[in-house]
Amino acid sequence: MTKLIGLTGAYDFLERMILEPAGARYNPDWKKARENLENSHDENLDYLGTYFPRTVLESAVIFEHLMRTMPSVKKMLAERDVIRVLDFGCGTGGELLGFLIALGWEFNWELPAVEVDAIDGNQDALGMMQDIMHLCRDKWDFDLRVRTVTHKAEKSGFAPANVKRRSVSASSTPFPKRRSSTSRASFSTASLPKD
């Protein structure tokens, strides 16, 4: 099993196991990166070599911070036999990979089963994401199941006809405002909206 130690180990894994074998290229184009739904295979390789590593590492740090500063989140994940993830607009899977790395860091690479439903409009990016997830599953030796749906959202709505519609509740409660540049707003699980 490959254990990634810190950001350096994670980046080394990305470079040796994903970017180089895929033929990813560094080719910055922020305008193209913002709207990449119609990317070709070559453009996805440019994205993979340019923006993917940053997305993975930033996500890993954010998820790790969340689990360390909110023990209830880590406890909830630890109590699950299976962690289920919905990734809408997953692209090549950078945020998802960052989440898996953070799980590895926090659970000493004793990863629970993870089931992912991944939705994106770019079939090529979905294929790259699946390849990356399969590589991680094999290298980290854990139960990872990925289902994909290719779907491009229409202006009239995002749910395709073959997907069951479910009610979703949301809160209109705004995020806490920052009090000043020198003090932090408090945020705890108690301020999260209840379903």
Protein backbone atom coordinates (compact mmCIF):
# COMPACT_ATOMS: atom_id res chain seq x y z
CA MET A 1 0.00 0.00 0.00
CA THR A 2 1.28 3.44 -0.94
CA LYS A 3 0.99 5.85 2.01
CA LEU A 4 1.27 9.52 1.15
CA ILE A 5 3.05 11.46 3.86
CA GLY A 6 2.15 15.14 3.82
CA LEU A 7 1.86 17.44 0.83
CA THR A 8 5.25 16.47 -0.59
CA GLY A 9 4.33 12.78 -0.63
CA ALA A 10 0.94 13.58 -2.16
CA TYR A 11 2.49 15.68 -4.91
CA ASP A 12 5.13 13.02 -5.61
CA PHE A 13 2.33 10.44 -5.96
CA LEU A 14 0.41 12.73 -8.32
CA GLU A 15 3.44 13.36 -10.48
CA ARG A 16 4.80 9.78 -10.69
CA MET A 17 1.58 7.77 -10.69
CA ILE A 18 -0.94 10.02 -12.47
CA LEU A 19 0.47 12.99 -14.37
CA GLU A 20 3.51 11.46 -16.08
CA PRO A 21 1.82 8.18 -17.16
CA ALA A 22 -1.20 10.10 -18.48
CA GLY A 23 0.96 12.44 -20.54
CA ALA A 24 -0.33 15.50 -18.65
CA ARG A 25 1.18 18.81 -19.76
CA TYR A 26 1.70 22.14 -18.04
CA ASN A 27 -0.09 24.68 -20.21
CA PRO A 28 -1.78 27.48 -18.23
CA ASP A 29 -4.89 29.02 -19.77
CA TRP A 30 -7.15 30.31 -17.00
CA LYS A 31 -9.95 31.22 -19.40
CA LYS A 32 -10.07 27.67 -20.73
CA ALA A 33 -9.85 26.24 -17.21
CA ARG A 34 -12.93 28.20 -16.10
CA GLU A 35 -15.16 26.71 -18.76
CA ASN A 36 -13.91 23.24 -19.60
CA LEU A 37 -17.13 21.34 -20.24
CA GLU A 38 -16.35 21.04 -23.95
CA ASN A 39 -12.64 20.25 -23.50
CA SER A 40 -11.07 17.79 -25.92
CA HIS A 41 -8.81 14.99 -24.69
CA ASP A 42 -5.71 17.16 -25.31
CA GLU A 43 -7.25 20.09 -23.43
CA ASN A 44 -8.10 17.76 -20.53
CA LEU A 45 -4.44 16.66 -20.46
CA ASP A 46 -3.45 20.34 -20.26
CA TYR A 47 -5.89 20.80 -17.36
CA LEU A 48 -4.58 17.65 -15.67
CA GLY A 49 -0.97 18.87 -15.85
CA THR A 50 -1.70 22.48 -14.90
CA TYR A 51 -4.64 22.85 -12.51
CA PHE A 52 -5.35 19.31 -11.25
CA PRO A 53 -2.41 19.10 -8.79
CA ARG A 54 -3.39 22.36 -7.10
CA THR A 55 -7.03 21.27 -6.85
CA VAL A 56 -6.04 17.92 -5.30
CA LEU A 57 -3.66 19.41 -2.75
CA GLU A 58 -5.92 22.33 -1.79
CA SER A 59 -8.86 19.96 -1.35
CA ALA A 60 -6.79 17.56 0.74
CA VAL A 61 -5.74 20.37 3.07
CA ILE A 62 -9.29 21.74 3.34
CA PHE A 63 -10.83 18.33 4.10
CA GLU A 64 -8.06 17.47 6.56
CA HIS A 65 -8.56 20.81 8.33
CA LEU A 66 -12.30 20.19 8.50
CA MET A 67 -11.81 16.78 10.10
CA ARG A 68 -9.24 18.09 12.60
CA THR A 69 -11.13 21.22 13.65
CA MET A 70 -14.59 19.66 13.71
CA PRO A 71 -14.22 16.34 15.55
CA SER A 72 -17.89 15.55 14.92
CA VAL A 73 -17.16 15.34 11.19
CA LYS A 74 -14.29 12.90 11.68
CA LYS A 75 -16.37 10.88 14.16
CA MET A 76 -19.30 10.71 11.74
CA LEU A 77 -17.01 9.48 8.95
CA ALA A 78 -15.31 6.96 11.25
CA GLU A 79 -18.66 5.47 12.26
CA ARG A 80 -19.68 4.75 8.68
CA ASP A 81 -19.21 1.37 7.07
CA VAL A 82 -19.47 3.11 3.72
CA ILE A 83 -18.87 6.77 2.95
CA ARG A 84 -21.10 7.89 0.09
CA VAL A 85 -20.07 10.86 -2.04
CA LEU A 86 -22.01 12.74 -4.72
CA ASP A 87 -19.65 14.76 -6.93
CA PHE A 88 -21.66 16.90 -9.35
CA GLY A 89 -19.35 18.48 -11.92
CA CYS A 90 -16.48 16.21 -10.93
CA GLY A 91 -14.37 16.73 -14.04
CA THR A 92 -11.11 14.80 -13.71
CA GLY A 93 -11.75 14.20 -9.98
CA GLY A 94 -9.35 16.59 -8.26
CA GLU A 95 -11.59 17.41 -5.29
CA LEU A 96 -12.51 13.75 -4.88
CA LEU A 97 -8.87 12.68 -4.87
CA GLY A 98 -8.12 15.42 -2.33
CA PHE A 99 -10.90 14.06 -0.12
CA LEU A 100 -9.49 10.52 -0.35
CA ILE A 101 -5.99 11.74 0.53
CA ALA A 102 -7.38 13.62 3.56
CA LEU A 103 -9.20 10.46 4.65
CA GLY A 104 -5.91 8.58 4.37
CA TRP A 105 -4.08 11.17 6.45
CA GLU A 106 -6.75 11.25 9.14
CA PHE A 107 -7.39 7.50 9.33
CA ASN A 108 -3.77 6.33 8.91
CA TRP A 109 -4.60 4.79 5.55
CA GLU A 110 -7.12 2.38 7.09
CA LEU A 111 -9.75 3.64 4.69
CA PRO A 112 -13.44 2.74 4.93
CA ALA A 113 -15.36 1.73 1.83
CA VAL A 114 -16.21 4.72 -0.36
CA GLU A 115 -19.00 4.84 -2.94
CA VAL A 116 -18.95 7.71 -5.40
CA ASP A 117 -21.64 8.91 -7.78
CA ALA A 118 -19.84 11.22 -10.20
CA ILE A 119 -21.65 13.43 -12.69
CA ASP A 120 -20.04 15.55 -15.39
CA GLY A 121 -20.82 16.72 -18.90
CA ASN A 122 -17.38 15.91 -20.29
CA GLN A 123 -17.16 12.18 -21.02
CA ASP A 124 -13.37 12.30 -21.51
CA ALA A 125 -12.83 13.98 -18.12
CA LEU A 126 -15.09 11.35 -16.51
CA GLY A 127 -12.95 8.63 -18.09
CA MET A 128 -9.79 10.22 -16.69
CA MET A 129 -11.42 10.47 -13.25
CA GLN A 130 -12.36 6.78 -13.36
CA ASP A 131 -8.81 5.80 -14.32
CA ILE A 132 -7.40 7.90 -11.47
CA MET A 133 -9.85 6.43 -8.95
CA HIS A 134 -9.05 2.86 -10.06
CA LEU A 135 -5.33 3.55 -9.69
CA CYS A 136 -5.87 4.93 -6.17
CA ARG A 137 -8.06 1.97 -5.21
CA ASP A 138 -5.35 -0.44 -6.32
CA LYS A 139 -2.43 1.49 -4.76
CA TRP A 140 -4.18 2.17 -1.45
CA ASP A 141 -5.91 -1.22 -1.26
CA PHE A 142 -9.39 -0.15 -0.19
CA ASP A 143 -12.97 -0.62 -1.36
CA LEU A 144 -13.74 2.22 -3.77
CA ARG A 145 -16.74 2.03 -6.08
CA VAL A 146 -17.38 4.70 -8.68
CA ARG A 147 -20.51 5.14 -10.78
CA THR A 148 -20.56 7.83 -13.45
CA VAL A 149 -23.24 9.73 -15.30
CA THR A 150 -22.49 11.92 -18.27
CA HIS A 151 -24.90 14.82 -18.25
CA LYS A 152 -24.78 18.41 -19.41
CA ALA A 153 -27.06 20.71 -17.42
CA GLU A 154 -29.67 22.58 -19.42
CA LYS A 155 -30.87 26.02 -18.52
CA SER A 156 -34.34 24.60 -17.80
CA GLY A 157 -33.02 22.25 -15.13
CA PHE A 158 -30.25 19.81 -14.40
CA ALA A 159 -32.03 16.52 -13.72
CA PRO A 160 -32.12 14.20 -16.75
CA ALA A 161 -35.37 12.29 -17.35
CA ASN A 162 -33.91 8.96 -16.16
CA VAL A 163 -32.80 10.29 -12.75
CA LYS A 164 -35.31 10.18 -9.90
CA ARG A 165 -36.04 13.61 -8.52
CA ARG A 166 -35.74 13.92 -4.76
CA SER A 167 -36.69 16.78 -2.56
CA VAL A 168 -33.78 18.76 -1.24
CA SER A 169 -34.05 21.09 1.71
CA ALA A 170 -31.83 24.12 1.95
CA SER A 171 -31.51 26.88 4.48
CA SER A 172 -31.57 30.54 3.65
CA THR A 173 -29.43 31.24 6.71
CA PRO A 174 -26.39 33.24 5.54
CA PHE A 175 -22.85 32.38 6.51
CA PRO A 176 -21.61 34.21 9.62
CA LYS A 177 -20.12 37.59 8.76
CA ARG A 178 -16.53 38.32 9.63
CA ARG A 179 -16.41 40.73 12.55
CA SER A 180 -13.16 42.44 11.71
CA SER A 181 -9.86 41.75 10.06
CA THR A 182 -8.33 40.86 13.44
CA SER A 183 -11.09 38.66 14.89
CA ARG A 184 -12.72 35.52 13.55
CA ALA A 185 -16.38 34.68 13.39
CA SER A 186 -17.18 31.58 15.39
CA PHE A 187 -18.54 28.65 13.47
CA SER A 188 -19.54 25.33 14.91
CA THR A 189 -21.77 22.41 14.02
CA ALA A 190 -24.44 24.03 16.20
CA SER A 191 -24.83 26.77 13.57
CA LEU A 192 -25.46 24.30 10.76
CA PRO A 193 -29.07 24.10 9.57
CA LYS A 194 -31.01 21.00 10.61
CA ASP A 195 -32.72 18.92 7.89
